[in-house]
Amino acid sequence: MNLDRGEKIAQAVLYEGYMLYPYRASAVKNQQRWNFGVLCPRTYAESQNASEAWSMQTECLVRGDQTTVLRVKVRFLQVINRSIARLPHLLRELPESGKFEFEVVDRLEVVGQTFVPWQEAVEREVVVQSPRQALELPRLTFEFPAGRQIESLRDERGLIEGVIIREWETVSGSVEIDSRQCLNDVIKVAVSVQNLTSYHSQNQSRGVALMYSLVSAHTLLMVENGRFISLLDPPESLRTLAEGCRNIGTWPVLVGDEGDQDTMLSSPIILYDYPQIAPESSGGLFDGTEIDEILSLRILTMTEEEKREMRQTDQRVRQILERTESMPPEQFMKLHGVLRGLRPLTEEAL
């Protein structure tokens, strides 16, 4: 299996919708982010009249035997709240106690750079592997504890003028895997991911709930001594079984090189078997509903003020701008388009 290709697709899914063009915090379309694969706390999801989910389920088919080993990897983003604060008095170093006076502000300029509040994200991963065979998979609970980081912002003299405060809440959940023998050599595997985070906030805004959510959640399933069956194009003998697989909030497809059957990506975005990142693409743009060429040209037409805000918003977004501005003309020409998969015209098509 081409693991690199599968990982690239999974990474694209992880950051799909992370930030949308025009890549600025002030843009209306970026006021409500994280629209794909969000698993909210159960109490919040149930209060939203089924408009939000707290669990997802994948069902797929595996050809295997007693030597088959299944490995499941659940990946998601955890939201980090980034605040900006000004210190009333300049300091050489922050006190070890972590206690000092500050004032949270909407923006702060330090040594020609502007810092603004934002929601960042950190990647999380949970792995479950069967000890001997696909029929012996454990239920796993996980927890990522709350935390806080403080980054100093120093002026020209090296004195601390302000700070970046990054805070995140505890998130917890479970991965439950059930396997059932359907035929002599066919196993139905079900993977359920649930958000079990305790959430009792009186503030029912989605922005607050996202701090306790699993964002862009998706599942990678890998098998040894076995092979997955395509649910999009199953063998005729297994079509009924494939159609009986119940997938909730997710869409499992084969990934890797064409013909590989040892890895399946269960994505909150509808894909086809063996999706690929176009080799002409110079990097992620987080906005998969657009074409690389169009987005890149639009970025270059931004005003200097718009580009400045883009740089201030997020490190990943700043990298998009820097990569686009430094792109050589020959790379832009590659983005214009390419023909793939041409086949001779048959008489039946006439």
Foldseek 3Di string as FASTA:
>chain_A
DFVVFVVVVLVLLQLFQVADPVQFCPDPSNVDTQPAPKAFAPVLCVVVVNPHHFKWKFKFKKFAAQQKKKKKKKKFKAKKKKWKWFAPDWALDDDPVNDGDIGTDQWDDAANAIAGIAIDIDMDMDMWIAPGHLQRTDKDKDKDAKDKDKAFGAHPVNIGGIIMIIIAHMWMWMWDWHWDDDDNGMIMIMIMIGTNDDDDDPDSDVVVRSSHIGGSIKMKMFMDRMFTAALVDGPPVCVVVSVPIDTGQWEKAAEDPPPGGGMIITGSDDDYHHDGDPPLDPDDPSHVVDQRLVSLVVLVPDDPVSLSSSCNHDVVSVVVSVCSVPDDPVSSVSSVDDDPDDDDDDPVND
